């Protein structure tokens, strides 16, 4: 896990996606998650954007975080199995100002309808190909190399809409009191991560448990 000030070594237990146990299988092997141990209940509810009747789940991440990159394929498989009453979304965070251009990248890809095509590819470029996609100029040049129109990308990247989404992401990060990534927020009320659950596989199991708890208490 990438923390605000340090790395969390426990996240290194992430296995390859094909070898990982499913969250439900992990939960079956362990005791039920406990508040204050495996997850945190927020003192004040965070805003949610999910439609009425949906349970919102958010992954907080940073493109340059190696643990987020390792977690992504596991998360993607988990998302495919989510019930229809769960609304999942990713949210890029910025612990420092130099993280902000990558927030703009994510929201630009989302606005241009390119997120499905490029989200995993950005992780691969940074962590596999060692591309230095930190500054806006480098990000733009890389996107142009991928065949994306420069003018359209730059217009969206620097738009008021994108900047507004970045500010909201920071507000939500603070509302959940995010201390490290990757991390998961549930229904604006609960938070878990690899530090609390002891691994991100276990954090997915905790999230499954919290989804069920929210559903049962409607």
N, C-alpha and C. Protein backbone atom coordinates (compact mmCIF):
# COMPACT_ATOMS: atom_id res chain seq x y z
N UNK A 1 0.84 -1.19 0.00
CA UNK A 1 0.00 0.00 0.00
C UNK A 1 0.88 1.24 0.00
N UNK A 2 0.55 2.20 -0.83
CA UNK A 2 1.25 3.47 -0.83
C UNK A 2 0.58 4.39 0.17
N UNK A 3 1.33 4.78 1.21
CA UNK A 3 0.78 5.65 2.25
C UNK A 3 1.16 7.09 1.97
N UNK A 4 0.55 7.98 2.74
CA UNK A 4 0.87 9.40 2.59
C UNK A 4 2.36 9.65 2.81
N UNK A 5 2.94 8.95 3.74
CA UNK A 5 4.34 9.21 4.10
C UNK A 5 5.26 8.01 3.91
N UNK A 6 4.70 6.84 3.70
CA UNK A 6 5.55 5.65 3.61
C UNK A 6 4.83 4.53 2.89
N UNK A 7 5.58 3.47 2.58
CA UNK A 7 4.98 2.28 1.99
C UNK A 7 4.49 1.36 3.11
N UNK A 8 3.39 0.65 2.83
CA UNK A 8 2.93 -0.38 3.75
C UNK A 8 3.33 -1.73 3.18
N UNK A 9 4.22 -2.44 3.86
CA UNK A 9 4.78 -3.66 3.31
C UNK A 9 3.77 -4.79 3.20
N UNK A 10 2.69 -4.72 3.98
CA UNK A 10 1.71 -5.80 3.95
C UNK A 10 1.05 -5.97 2.60
N UNK A 11 0.99 -4.93 1.80
CA UNK A 11 0.34 -5.03 0.49
C UNK A 11 1.16 -5.89 -0.46
N UNK A 12 2.39 -6.19 -0.12
CA UNK A 12 3.23 -7.01 -0.99
C UNK A 12 2.71 -8.43 -1.11
N UNK A 13 1.74 -8.79 -0.28
CA UNK A 13 1.20 -10.15 -0.33
C UNK A 13 0.24 -10.36 -1.48
N UNK A 14 -0.01 -9.32 -2.28
CA UNK A 14 -0.89 -9.48 -3.44
C UNK A 14 -0.31 -10.55 -4.36
N UNK A 15 -1.13 -11.51 -4.71
CA UNK A 15 -0.70 -12.56 -5.62
C UNK A 15 -1.16 -12.24 -7.02
N UNK A 16 -0.69 -13.01 -7.98
CA UNK A 16 -1.16 -12.85 -9.35
C UNK A 16 -2.65 -13.12 -9.38
N UNK A 17 -3.34 -12.43 -10.27
CA UNK A 17 -4.80 -12.50 -10.31
C UNK A 17 -5.28 -13.93 -10.45
N UNK A 18 -4.61 -14.72 -11.24
CA UNK A 18 -5.07 -16.08 -11.48
C UNK A 18 -4.88 -16.98 -10.28
N UNK A 19 -3.94 -16.63 -9.40
CA UNK A 19 -3.65 -17.50 -8.27
C UNK A 19 -4.37 -17.08 -7.00
N UNK A 20 -4.98 -15.88 -7.02
CA UNK A 20 -5.59 -15.35 -5.80
C UNK A 20 -6.88 -16.07 -5.47
N UNK A 21 -7.12 -16.25 -4.19
CA UNK A 21 -8.40 -16.80 -3.74
C UNK A 21 -9.48 -15.75 -3.94
N UNK A 22 -10.69 -16.18 -4.19
CA UNK A 22 -11.79 -15.23 -4.32
C UNK A 22 -12.07 -14.62 -2.96
N UNK A 23 -12.62 -13.37 -2.93
CA UNK A 23 -12.96 -12.74 -1.65
C UNK A 23 -13.88 -13.58 -0.80
N UNK A 24 -14.89 -14.24 -1.41
CA UNK A 24 -15.82 -15.04 -0.64
C UNK A 24 -15.12 -16.25 -0.03
N UNK A 25 -14.17 -16.83 -0.78
CA UNK A 25 -13.43 -17.96 -0.25
C UNK A 25 -12.55 -17.54 0.93
N UNK A 26 -11.95 -16.37 0.80
CA UNK A 26 -11.13 -15.86 1.90
C UNK A 26 -11.98 -15.59 3.13
N UNK A 27 -13.18 -15.02 2.92
CA UNK A 27 -14.05 -14.72 4.04
C UNK A 27 -14.49 -16.00 4.75
N UNK A 28 -14.72 -17.05 3.95
CA UNK A 28 -15.18 -18.31 4.53
C UNK A 28 -14.12 -18.92 5.44
N UNK A 29 -12.84 -18.60 5.16
CA UNK A 29 -11.75 -19.16 5.94
C UNK A 29 -11.43 -18.34 7.18
N UNK A 30 -12.03 -17.20 7.32
CA UNK A 30 -11.67 -16.30 8.41
C UNK A 30 -12.90 -15.93 9.23
N UNK A 31 -12.65 -15.26 10.34
CA UNK A 31 -13.74 -14.76 11.16
C UNK A 31 -14.36 -13.55 10.48
N UNK A 32 -15.58 -13.22 10.88
CA UNK A 32 -16.24 -12.06 10.30
C UNK A 32 -15.43 -10.80 10.60
N UNK A 33 -15.35 -9.88 9.66
CA UNK A 33 -14.60 -8.64 9.86
C UNK A 33 -15.14 -7.85 11.05
N UNK A 34 -14.23 -7.17 11.74
CA UNK A 34 -14.61 -6.39 12.91
C UNK A 34 -14.33 -4.91 12.68
N UNK A 35 -15.28 -4.06 13.10
CA UNK A 35 -15.10 -2.63 13.00
C UNK A 35 -13.94 -2.21 13.91
N UNK A 36 -13.13 -1.31 13.45
CA UNK A 36 -11.97 -0.86 14.20
C UNK A 36 -10.76 -1.77 14.06
N UNK A 37 -10.96 -2.94 13.44
CA UNK A 37 -9.86 -3.88 13.22
C UNK A 37 -9.63 -4.08 11.73
N UNK A 38 -10.68 -4.56 11.05
CA UNK A 38 -10.59 -4.84 9.61
C UNK A 38 -11.12 -3.69 8.75
N UNK A 39 -11.92 -2.83 9.35
CA UNK A 39 -12.46 -1.68 8.64
C UNK A 39 -12.80 -0.59 9.64
N UNK A 40 -13.04 0.59 9.12
CA UNK A 40 -13.37 1.75 9.95
C UNK A 40 -14.75 2.25 9.57
N UNK A 41 -15.55 2.60 10.57
CA UNK A 41 -16.83 3.27 10.33
C UNK A 41 -16.59 4.77 10.48
N UNK A 42 -16.94 5.52 9.44
CA UNK A 42 -16.70 6.96 9.46
C UNK A 42 -17.54 7.65 10.53
N UNK A 43 -16.94 8.62 11.20
CA UNK A 43 -17.68 9.39 12.20
C UNK A 43 -18.76 10.24 11.56
N UNK A 44 -18.50 10.70 10.35
CA UNK A 44 -19.46 11.50 9.60
C UNK A 44 -19.55 10.93 8.20
N UNK A 45 -20.76 10.70 7.73
CA UNK A 45 -20.95 10.08 6.42
C UNK A 45 -20.36 10.95 5.32
N UNK A 46 -19.72 10.29 4.35
CA UNK A 46 -19.15 10.97 3.19
C UNK A 46 -20.21 11.07 2.10
N UNK A 47 -20.11 12.06 1.22
CA UNK A 47 -21.07 12.17 0.11
C UNK A 47 -21.02 10.95 -0.80
N UNK A 48 -22.15 10.59 -1.37
CA UNK A 48 -22.21 9.49 -2.34
C UNK A 48 -22.86 10.01 -3.62
N UNK A 49 -22.49 9.41 -4.74
CA UNK A 49 -23.04 9.80 -6.03
C UNK A 49 -23.88 8.69 -6.65
N UNK A 50 -23.95 7.55 -5.99
CA UNK A 50 -24.70 6.41 -6.55
C UNK A 50 -26.19 6.74 -6.60
N UNK A 51 -26.88 6.24 -7.62
CA UNK A 51 -28.33 6.45 -7.70
C UNK A 51 -29.05 5.83 -6.51
N UNK A 52 -30.25 6.27 -6.26
CA UNK A 52 -31.05 5.72 -5.16
C UNK A 52 -31.21 4.21 -5.33
N UNK A 53 -31.05 3.50 -4.23
CA UNK A 53 -31.18 2.05 -4.27
C UNK A 53 -29.89 1.32 -4.57
N UNK A 54 -28.83 2.08 -4.89
CA UNK A 54 -27.54 1.47 -5.19
C UNK A 54 -26.57 1.67 -4.01
N UNK A 55 -25.68 0.70 -3.82
CA UNK A 55 -24.66 0.77 -2.78
C UNK A 55 -23.35 1.18 -3.45
N UNK A 56 -22.85 2.33 -3.09
CA UNK A 56 -21.64 2.85 -3.73
C UNK A 56 -20.38 2.24 -3.13
N UNK A 57 -19.48 1.78 -4.00
CA UNK A 57 -18.15 1.32 -3.60
C UNK A 57 -17.13 2.10 -4.42
N UNK A 58 -16.14 2.65 -3.74
CA UNK A 58 -15.12 3.46 -4.40
C UNK A 58 -13.74 2.84 -4.16
N UNK A 59 -12.96 2.73 -5.23
CA UNK A 59 -11.54 2.42 -5.05
C UNK A 59 -10.77 3.73 -5.18
N UNK A 60 -10.01 4.06 -4.14
CA UNK A 60 -9.11 5.21 -4.17
C UNK A 60 -7.74 4.70 -4.63
N UNK A 61 -7.16 5.38 -5.62
CA UNK A 61 -5.90 4.88 -6.18
C UNK A 61 -5.03 6.03 -6.68
N UNK A 62 -3.81 5.68 -7.07
CA UNK A 62 -2.87 6.61 -7.69
C UNK A 62 -2.14 5.84 -8.77
N UNK A 63 -2.08 6.38 -9.97
CA UNK A 63 -1.46 5.64 -11.08
C UNK A 63 -0.01 5.26 -10.82
N UNK A 64 0.75 6.07 -10.12
CA UNK A 64 2.16 5.76 -9.90
C UNK A 64 2.41 4.83 -8.72
N UNK A 65 1.34 4.44 -8.03
CA UNK A 65 1.47 3.53 -6.88
C UNK A 65 1.65 2.10 -7.39
N UNK A 66 2.76 1.43 -7.08
CA UNK A 66 2.97 0.06 -7.56
C UNK A 66 1.96 -0.93 -6.99
N UNK A 67 1.48 -0.68 -5.80
CA UNK A 67 0.50 -1.58 -5.19
C UNK A 67 -0.87 -1.44 -5.86
N UNK A 68 -1.19 -0.22 -6.28
CA UNK A 68 -2.43 -0.02 -7.05
C UNK A 68 -2.35 -0.74 -8.38
N UNK A 69 -1.18 -0.70 -9.00
CA UNK A 69 -0.98 -1.39 -10.27
C UNK A 69 -1.13 -2.90 -10.10
N UNK A 70 -0.53 -3.45 -9.04
CA UNK A 70 -0.63 -4.89 -8.78
C UNK A 70 -2.05 -5.30 -8.43
N UNK A 71 -2.78 -4.42 -7.78
CA UNK A 71 -4.15 -4.71 -7.35
C UNK A 71 -5.14 -4.62 -8.50
N UNK A 72 -4.86 -3.84 -9.52
CA UNK A 72 -5.83 -3.54 -10.57
C UNK A 72 -6.42 -4.79 -11.23
N UNK A 73 -5.63 -5.77 -11.68
CA UNK A 73 -6.26 -6.94 -12.32
C UNK A 73 -7.13 -7.75 -11.36
N UNK A 74 -6.75 -7.82 -10.10
CA UNK A 74 -7.56 -8.52 -9.10
C UNK A 74 -8.88 -7.77 -8.90
N UNK A 75 -8.77 -6.47 -8.78
CA UNK A 75 -9.96 -5.63 -8.61
C UNK A 75 -10.89 -5.75 -9.82
N UNK A 76 -10.32 -5.71 -11.01
CA UNK A 76 -11.13 -5.77 -12.23
C UNK A 76 -11.96 -7.04 -12.28
N UNK A 77 -11.39 -8.15 -11.86
CA UNK A 77 -12.13 -9.42 -11.84
C UNK A 77 -13.22 -9.39 -10.78
N UNK A 78 -12.93 -8.79 -9.65
CA UNK A 78 -13.92 -8.67 -8.57
C UNK A 78 -15.10 -7.81 -9.02
N UNK A 79 -14.81 -6.73 -9.71
CA UNK A 79 -15.86 -5.82 -10.18
C UNK A 79 -16.82 -6.54 -11.12
N UNK A 80 -16.32 -7.45 -11.93
CA UNK A 80 -17.18 -8.18 -12.86
C UNK A 80 -18.25 -9.00 -12.14
N UNK A 81 -17.98 -9.36 -10.89
CA UNK A 81 -18.90 -10.22 -10.15
C UNK A 81 -19.82 -9.45 -9.20
N UNK A 82 -19.76 -8.15 -9.22
CA UNK A 82 -20.56 -7.36 -8.28
C UNK A 82 -22.05 -7.48 -8.58
N UNK A 83 -22.87 -7.54 -7.54
CA UNK A 83 -24.33 -7.57 -7.73
C UNK A 83 -24.82 -6.29 -8.42
N UNK A 84 -26.01 -6.35 -8.99
CA UNK A 84 -26.54 -5.23 -9.74
C UNK A 84 -26.87 -4.03 -8.87
N UNK A 85 -27.01 -4.24 -7.56
CA UNK A 85 -27.35 -3.10 -6.70
C UNK A 85 -26.10 -2.38 -6.18
N UNK A 86 -24.92 -2.73 -6.71
CA UNK A 86 -23.68 -2.07 -6.32
C UNK A 86 -23.20 -1.16 -7.45
N UNK A 87 -22.94 0.10 -7.12
CA UNK A 87 -22.41 1.07 -8.07
C UNK A 87 -20.94 1.29 -7.74
N UNK A 88 -20.06 0.80 -8.60
CA UNK A 88 -18.61 0.89 -8.35
C UNK A 88 -18.00 2.00 -9.19
N UNK A 89 -17.06 2.71 -8.58
CA UNK A 89 -16.27 3.68 -9.34
C UNK A 89 -14.88 3.81 -8.74
N UNK A 90 -13.96 4.25 -9.58
CA UNK A 90 -12.59 4.51 -9.14
C UNK A 90 -12.42 6.00 -8.92
N UNK A 91 -11.52 6.36 -8.02
CA UNK A 91 -11.28 7.77 -7.76
C UNK A 91 -9.77 7.99 -7.57
N UNK A 92 -9.14 8.76 -8.46
CA UNK A 92 -7.71 9.05 -8.31
C UNK A 92 -7.51 10.08 -7.21
N UNK A 93 -6.51 9.87 -6.39
CA UNK A 93 -6.27 10.79 -5.28
C UNK A 93 -4.93 11.49 -5.46
N UNK A 94 -4.72 12.53 -4.66
CA UNK A 94 -3.45 13.27 -4.71
C UNK A 94 -3.04 13.63 -3.29
N UNK A 95 -2.02 12.96 -2.80
CA UNK A 95 -1.48 13.31 -1.49
C UNK A 95 -0.58 14.54 -1.58
N UNK A 96 -0.05 14.78 -2.79
CA UNK A 96 0.82 15.94 -3.03
C UNK A 96 0.43 16.59 -4.35
N UNK A 97 0.89 17.82 -4.54
CA UNK A 97 0.55 18.56 -5.75
C UNK A 97 1.04 17.86 -7.02
N UNK A 98 2.17 17.15 -6.93
CA UNK A 98 2.71 16.53 -8.15
C UNK A 98 1.92 15.28 -8.55
N UNK A 99 0.94 14.86 -7.74
CA UNK A 99 0.05 13.77 -8.13
C UNK A 99 -1.11 14.27 -9.00
N UNK A 100 -1.37 15.57 -8.94
CA UNK A 100 -2.59 16.12 -9.55
C UNK A 100 -2.70 15.88 -11.06
N UNK A 101 -1.62 16.01 -11.85
CA UNK A 101 -1.77 15.74 -13.29
C UNK A 101 -2.33 14.36 -13.60
N UNK A 102 -2.01 13.37 -12.79
CA UNK A 102 -2.57 12.04 -13.04
C UNK A 102 -4.05 11.98 -12.69
N UNK A 103 -4.49 12.81 -11.77
CA UNK A 103 -5.94 12.93 -11.54
C UNK A 103 -6.61 13.50 -12.79
N UNK A 104 -6.00 14.52 -13.35
CA UNK A 104 -6.53 15.11 -14.58
C UNK A 104 -6.55 14.07 -15.71
N UNK A 105 -5.52 13.24 -15.78
CA UNK A 105 -5.48 12.19 -16.79
C UNK A 105 -6.68 11.27 -16.66
N UNK A 106 -6.94 10.79 -15.47
CA UNK A 106 -8.05 9.86 -15.26
C UNK A 106 -9.38 10.48 -15.68
N UNK A 107 -9.65 11.68 -15.21
CA UNK A 107 -10.93 12.30 -15.50
C UNK A 107 -11.05 12.71 -16.97
N UNK A 108 -9.92 12.98 -17.61
CA UNK A 108 -9.94 13.26 -19.04
C UNK A 108 -10.28 12.00 -19.83
N UNK A 109 -9.67 10.88 -19.47
CA UNK A 109 -10.00 9.62 -20.12
C UNK A 109 -11.48 9.29 -19.92
N UNK A 110 -11.98 9.54 -18.73
CA UNK A 110 -13.39 9.29 -18.44
C UNK A 110 -14.28 10.16 -19.32
N UNK A 111 -13.97 11.44 -19.41
CA UNK A 111 -14.79 12.37 -20.18
C UNK A 111 -14.77 12.05 -21.67
N UNK A 112 -13.64 11.54 -22.16
CA UNK A 112 -13.49 11.25 -23.59
C UNK A 112 -13.96 9.83 -23.95
N UNK A 113 -14.46 9.09 -22.96
CA UNK A 113 -14.92 7.73 -23.23
C UNK A 113 -13.79 6.76 -23.50
N UNK A 114 -12.61 7.05 -22.96
CA UNK A 114 -11.42 6.24 -23.24
C UNK A 114 -10.92 5.46 -22.02
N UNK A 115 -11.69 5.49 -20.95
CA UNK A 115 -11.22 4.89 -19.71
C UNK A 115 -11.04 3.38 -19.83
N UNK A 116 -12.00 2.69 -20.40
CA UNK A 116 -11.90 1.24 -20.54
C UNK A 116 -10.68 0.85 -21.38
N UNK A 117 -10.37 1.65 -22.36
CA UNK A 117 -9.25 1.35 -23.26
C UNK A 117 -7.90 1.63 -22.62
N UNK A 118 -7.81 2.69 -21.82
CA UNK A 118 -6.50 3.15 -21.38
C UNK A 118 -6.20 3.02 -19.89
N UNK A 119 -7.19 2.74 -19.05
CA UNK A 119 -6.91 2.71 -17.60
C UNK A 119 -5.80 1.71 -17.27
N UNK A 120 -5.95 0.46 -17.67
CA UNK A 120 -4.92 -0.55 -17.39
C UNK A 120 -3.65 -0.25 -18.16
N UNK A 121 -3.79 0.35 -19.33
CA UNK A 121 -2.61 0.66 -20.15
C UNK A 121 -1.73 1.71 -19.49
N UNK A 122 -2.35 2.67 -18.77
CA UNK A 122 -1.57 3.68 -18.05
C UNK A 122 -0.72 3.01 -16.97
N UNK A 123 -1.31 2.09 -16.21
CA UNK A 123 -0.54 1.35 -15.21
C UNK A 123 0.63 0.61 -15.87
N UNK A 124 0.36 -0.04 -17.00
CA UNK A 124 1.39 -0.81 -17.68
C UNK A 124 2.51 0.09 -18.18
N UNK A 125 2.16 1.27 -18.68
CA UNK A 125 3.17 2.20 -19.18
C UNK A 125 4.09 2.68 -18.06
N UNK A 126 3.50 2.97 -16.91
CA UNK A 126 4.28 3.51 -15.79
C UNK A 126 5.11 2.42 -15.12
N UNK A 127 4.50 1.27 -14.84
CA UNK A 127 5.16 0.26 -14.03
C UNK A 127 5.85 -0.83 -14.85
N UNK A 128 5.39 -1.05 -16.08
CA UNK A 128 6.02 -2.04 -16.94
C UNK A 128 7.03 -1.45 -17.89
N UNK A 129 6.66 -0.34 -18.52
CA UNK A 129 7.52 0.30 -19.51
C UNK A 129 8.36 1.42 -18.92
N UNK A 130 8.13 1.75 -17.67
CA UNK A 130 8.88 2.80 -16.95
C UNK A 130 8.74 4.17 -17.61
N UNK A 131 7.55 4.45 -18.13
CA UNK A 131 7.26 5.76 -18.67
C UNK A 131 7.09 6.75 -17.51
N UNK A 132 7.67 7.93 -17.66
CA UNK A 132 7.60 8.94 -16.60
C UNK A 132 6.37 9.83 -16.81
N UNK A 133 5.20 9.29 -16.51
CA UNK A 133 3.95 10.00 -16.75
C UNK A 133 3.52 10.74 -15.49
N UNK A 134 4.25 11.78 -15.18
CA UNK A 134 3.98 12.57 -13.98
C UNK A 134 3.51 13.97 -14.34
N UNK A 135 4.24 14.63 -15.22
CA UNK A 135 3.89 16.00 -15.60
C UNK A 135 2.90 16.01 -16.76
N UNK A 136 2.14 17.09 -16.82
CA UNK A 136 1.10 17.21 -17.85
C UNK A 136 1.66 17.07 -19.25
N UNK A 137 2.83 17.65 -19.49
CA UNK A 137 3.42 17.60 -20.83
C UNK A 137 3.76 16.17 -21.23
N UNK A 138 4.34 15.41 -20.32
CA UNK A 138 4.71 14.03 -20.61
C UNK A 138 3.46 13.17 -20.82
N UNK A 139 2.45 13.41 -20.01
CA UNK A 139 1.19 12.68 -20.14
C UNK A 139 0.57 12.95 -21.51
N UNK A 140 0.55 14.21 -21.90
CA UNK A 140 -0.04 14.58 -23.20
C UNK A 140 0.70 13.93 -24.35
N UNK A 141 2.04 13.97 -24.31
CA UNK A 141 2.83 13.39 -25.39
C UNK A 141 2.59 11.88 -25.48
N UNK A 142 2.47 11.22 -24.34
CA UNK A 142 2.22 9.78 -24.37
C UNK A 142 0.84 9.47 -24.95
N UNK A 143 -0.15 10.26 -24.59
CA UNK A 143 -1.48 10.03 -25.12
C UNK A 143 -1.52 10.25 -26.64
N UNK A 144 -0.79 11.25 -27.11
CA UNK A 144 -0.72 11.50 -28.56
C UNK A 144 -0.07 10.31 -29.26
N UNK A 145 0.95 9.74 -28.62
CA UNK A 145 1.60 8.54 -29.19
C UNK A 145 0.65 7.36 -29.27
N UNK A 146 -0.37 7.36 -28.42
CA UNK A 146 -1.36 6.28 -28.43
C UNK A 146 -2.46 6.53 -29.46
N UNK A 147 -2.35 7.65 -30.19
CA UNK A 147 -3.32 7.94 -31.24
C UNK A 147 -4.45 8.86 -30.82
N UNK A 148 -4.35 9.48 -29.65
CA UNK A 148 -5.40 10.39 -29.17
C UNK A 148 -5.14 11.79 -29.71
N UNK A 149 -6.19 12.46 -30.14
CA UNK A 149 -6.07 13.80 -30.69
C UNK A 149 -5.54 14.78 -29.63
N UNK A 150 -4.45 15.47 -29.97
CA UNK A 150 -3.80 16.35 -29.00
C UNK A 150 -4.73 17.47 -28.54
N UNK A 151 -5.35 18.15 -29.47
CA UNK A 151 -6.18 19.31 -29.11
C UNK A 151 -7.36 18.90 -28.23
N UNK A 152 -8.01 17.81 -28.59
CA UNK A 152 -9.15 17.36 -27.79
C UNK A 152 -8.71 16.92 -26.40
N UNK A 153 -7.58 16.24 -26.32
CA UNK A 153 -7.08 15.79 -25.03
C UNK A 153 -6.73 16.98 -24.14
N UNK A 154 -5.98 17.93 -24.70
CA UNK A 154 -5.57 19.09 -23.91
C UNK A 154 -6.76 19.91 -23.45
N UNK A 155 -7.76 20.04 -24.32
CA UNK A 155 -8.95 20.81 -23.96
C UNK A 155 -9.67 20.18 -22.77
N UNK A 156 -9.81 18.87 -22.78
CA UNK A 156 -10.47 18.18 -21.68
C UNK A 156 -9.60 18.16 -20.43
N UNK A 157 -8.31 17.97 -20.63
CA UNK A 157 -7.36 17.88 -19.51
C UNK A 157 -7.38 19.16 -18.67
N UNK A 158 -7.49 20.31 -19.34
CA UNK A 158 -7.43 21.60 -18.63
C UNK A 158 -8.80 22.24 -18.44
N UNK A 159 -9.86 21.49 -18.70
CA UNK A 159 -11.21 22.06 -18.63
C UNK A 159 -11.66 22.33 -17.20
N UNK A 160 -12.65 23.20 -17.08
CA UNK A 160 -13.24 23.50 -15.77
C UNK A 160 -13.88 22.25 -15.18
N UNK A 161 -14.52 21.45 -16.03
CA UNK A 161 -15.18 20.23 -15.57
C UNK A 161 -14.18 19.27 -14.94
N UNK A 162 -13.03 19.09 -15.59
CA UNK A 162 -12.01 18.20 -15.04
C UNK A 162 -11.46 18.74 -13.73
N UNK A 163 -11.19 20.03 -13.68
CA UNK A 163 -10.68 20.63 -12.45
C UNK A 163 -11.68 20.50 -11.30
N UNK A 164 -12.97 20.60 -11.62
CA UNK A 164 -14.01 20.44 -10.61
C UNK A 164 -14.01 19.01 -10.07
N UNK A 165 -13.87 18.03 -10.95
CA UNK A 165 -13.83 16.64 -10.53
C UNK A 165 -12.60 16.36 -9.66
N UNK A 166 -11.49 17.00 -9.97
CA UNK A 166 -10.28 16.84 -9.17
C UNK A 166 -10.51 17.38 -7.76
N UNK A 167 -11.13 18.55 -7.67
CA UNK A 167 -11.41 19.13 -6.35
C UNK A 167 -12.35 18.23 -5.55
N UNK A 168 -13.37 17.70 -6.21
CA UNK A 168 -14.31 16.80 -5.52
C UNK A 168 -13.62 15.53 -5.05
N UNK A 169 -12.70 15.03 -5.86
CA UNK A 169 -11.95 13.83 -5.47
C UNK A 169 -11.14 14.08 -4.21
N UNK A 170 -10.53 15.25 -4.13
CA UNK A 170 -9.76 15.59 -2.94
C UNK A 170 -10.67 15.74 -1.73
N UNK A 171 -11.83 16.33 -1.93
CA UNK A 171 -12.79 16.46 -0.82
C UNK A 171 -13.24 15.10 -0.32
N UNK A 172 -13.47 14.17 -1.24
CA UNK A 172 -13.93 12.85 -0.84
C UNK A 172 -12.80 12.06 -0.18
N UNK A 173 -11.57 12.23 -0.68
CA UNK A 173 -10.42 11.61 -0.05
C UNK A 173 -10.32 12.04 1.41
N UNK A 174 -10.53 13.33 1.66
CA UNK A 174 -10.48 13.84 3.02
C UNK A 174 -11.67 13.38 3.85
N UNK A 175 -12.84 13.27 3.23
CA UNK A 175 -14.03 12.82 3.95
C UNK A 175 -13.85 11.38 4.44
N UNK A 176 -13.19 10.55 3.64
CA UNK A 176 -12.91 9.17 4.02
C UNK A 176 -11.63 9.05 4.86
N UNK A 177 -10.91 10.17 5.00
CA UNK A 177 -9.65 10.18 5.74
C UNK A 177 -8.67 9.13 5.18
N UNK A 178 -8.50 9.15 3.88
CA UNK A 178 -7.63 8.19 3.21
C UNK A 178 -6.18 8.41 3.64
N UNK A 179 -5.55 7.36 4.13
CA UNK A 179 -4.15 7.43 4.56
C UNK A 179 -3.22 6.68 3.63
N UNK A 180 -3.75 5.85 2.76
CA UNK A 180 -2.92 5.09 1.84
C UNK A 180 -3.75 4.50 0.73
N UNK A 181 -3.11 4.13 -0.35
CA UNK A 181 -3.79 3.51 -1.48
C UNK A 181 -3.06 2.24 -1.90
N UNK A 182 -3.82 1.27 -2.49
CA UNK A 182 -5.24 1.32 -2.78
C UNK A 182 -6.09 1.20 -1.51
N UNK A 183 -7.28 1.77 -1.58
CA UNK A 183 -8.21 1.72 -0.45
C UNK A 183 -9.63 1.65 -1.00
N UNK A 184 -10.57 1.22 -0.17
CA UNK A 184 -11.95 1.02 -0.60
C UNK A 184 -12.91 1.69 0.37
N UNK A 185 -13.85 2.46 -0.20
CA UNK A 185 -14.90 3.09 0.58
C UNK A 185 -16.24 2.49 0.23
N UNK A 186 -17.10 2.32 1.21
CA UNK A 186 -18.39 1.67 0.99
C UNK A 186 -19.52 2.55 1.54
N UNK A 187 -20.43 2.91 0.63
CA UNK A 187 -21.69 3.59 0.99
C UNK A 187 -21.49 4.90 1.76
N UNK A 188 -20.34 5.52 1.62
CA UNK A 188 -20.09 6.76 2.34
C UNK A 188 -19.97 6.58 3.84
N UNK A 189 -19.88 5.33 4.27
CA UNK A 189 -19.91 5.05 5.72
C UNK A 189 -18.74 4.22 6.22
N UNK A 190 -18.12 3.44 5.35
CA UNK A 190 -17.09 2.51 5.79
C UNK A 190 -15.84 2.62 4.91
N UNK A 191 -14.70 2.24 5.51
CA UNK A 191 -13.42 2.33 4.83
C UNK A 191 -12.56 1.12 5.20
N UNK A 192 -11.90 0.54 4.20
CA UNK A 192 -10.93 -0.52 4.49
C UNK A 192 -9.77 -0.41 3.50
N UNK A 193 -8.65 -1.00 3.88
CA UNK A 193 -7.48 -1.03 2.99
C UNK A 193 -6.58 -2.19 3.39
N UNK A 194 -5.45 -2.30 2.72
CA UNK A 194 -4.54 -3.41 2.98
C UNK A 194 -3.90 -3.36 4.35
N UNK A 195 -3.79 -2.18 4.92
CA UNK A 195 -3.22 -2.05 6.25
C UNK A 195 -4.16 -2.60 7.31
N UNK A 196 -5.44 -2.27 7.19
CA UNK A 196 -6.44 -2.76 8.15
C UNK A 196 -6.71 -4.25 7.96
N UNK A 197 -6.98 -4.64 6.71
CA UNK A 197 -7.39 -6.03 6.43
C UNK A 197 -6.21 -6.98 6.32
N UNK A 198 -4.99 -6.45 6.27
CA UNK A 198 -3.73 -7.20 6.19
C UNK A 198 -3.36 -7.64 4.78
N UNK A 199 -4.24 -7.46 3.81
CA UNK A 199 -3.92 -7.65 2.39
C UNK A 199 -5.08 -7.07 1.60
N UNK A 200 -4.84 -6.78 0.33
CA UNK A 200 -5.93 -6.24 -0.48
C UNK A 200 -6.93 -7.33 -0.87
N UNK A 201 -6.49 -8.57 -0.97
CA UNK A 201 -7.45 -9.66 -1.17
C UNK A 201 -8.44 -9.70 -0.01
N UNK A 202 -7.90 -9.60 1.20
CA UNK A 202 -8.76 -9.60 2.38
C UNK A 202 -9.64 -8.35 2.42
N UNK A 203 -9.12 -7.22 1.93
CA UNK A 203 -9.91 -5.99 1.90
C UNK A 203 -11.12 -6.15 0.99
N UNK A 204 -10.98 -6.92 -0.08
CA UNK A 204 -12.13 -7.19 -0.94
C UNK A 204 -13.16 -8.04 -0.20
N UNK A 205 -12.69 -8.99 0.59
CA UNK A 205 -13.61 -9.79 1.40
C UNK A 205 -14.35 -8.92 2.40
N UNK A 206 -13.64 -8.00 3.03
CA UNK A 206 -14.27 -7.07 3.97
C UNK A 206 -15.30 -6.21 3.24
N UNK A 207 -14.98 -5.78 2.04
CA UNK A 207 -15.91 -4.98 1.26
C UNK A 207 -17.17 -5.76 0.92
N UNK A 208 -17.01 -7.03 0.54
CA UNK A 208 -18.18 -7.89 0.32
C UNK A 208 -19.05 -7.95 1.56
N UNK A 209 -18.42 -8.10 2.71
CA UNK A 209 -19.14 -8.15 3.98
C UNK A 209 -19.89 -6.84 4.23
N UNK A 210 -19.24 -5.71 3.98
CA UNK A 210 -19.86 -4.41 4.23
C UNK A 210 -21.02 -4.15 3.27
N UNK A 211 -20.87 -4.57 2.02
CA UNK A 211 -21.97 -4.44 1.07
C UNK A 211 -23.21 -5.19 1.59
N UNK A 212 -22.97 -6.41 2.07
CA UNK A 212 -24.07 -7.22 2.59
C UNK A 212 -24.69 -6.56 3.82
N UNK A 213 -23.86 -5.96 4.68
CA UNK A 213 -24.36 -5.28 5.86
C UNK A 213 -25.23 -4.08 5.50
N UNK A 214 -24.76 -3.29 4.55
CA UNK A 214 -25.55 -2.13 4.11
C UNK A 214 -26.87 -2.58 3.50
N UNK A 215 -26.82 -3.60 2.68
CA UNK A 215 -28.05 -4.10 2.04
C UNK A 215 -29.05 -4.60 3.08
N UNK A 216 -28.57 -5.29 4.10
CA UNK A 216 -29.45 -5.87 5.11
C UNK A 216 -30.11 -4.81 5.99
N UNK A 217 -29.47 -3.63 6.10
CA UNK A 217 -29.98 -2.61 6.99
C UNK A 217 -30.76 -1.51 6.27
N UNK A 218 -31.07 -1.73 5.01
CA UNK A 218 -31.88 -0.75 4.27
C UNK A 218 -33.27 -0.62 4.86
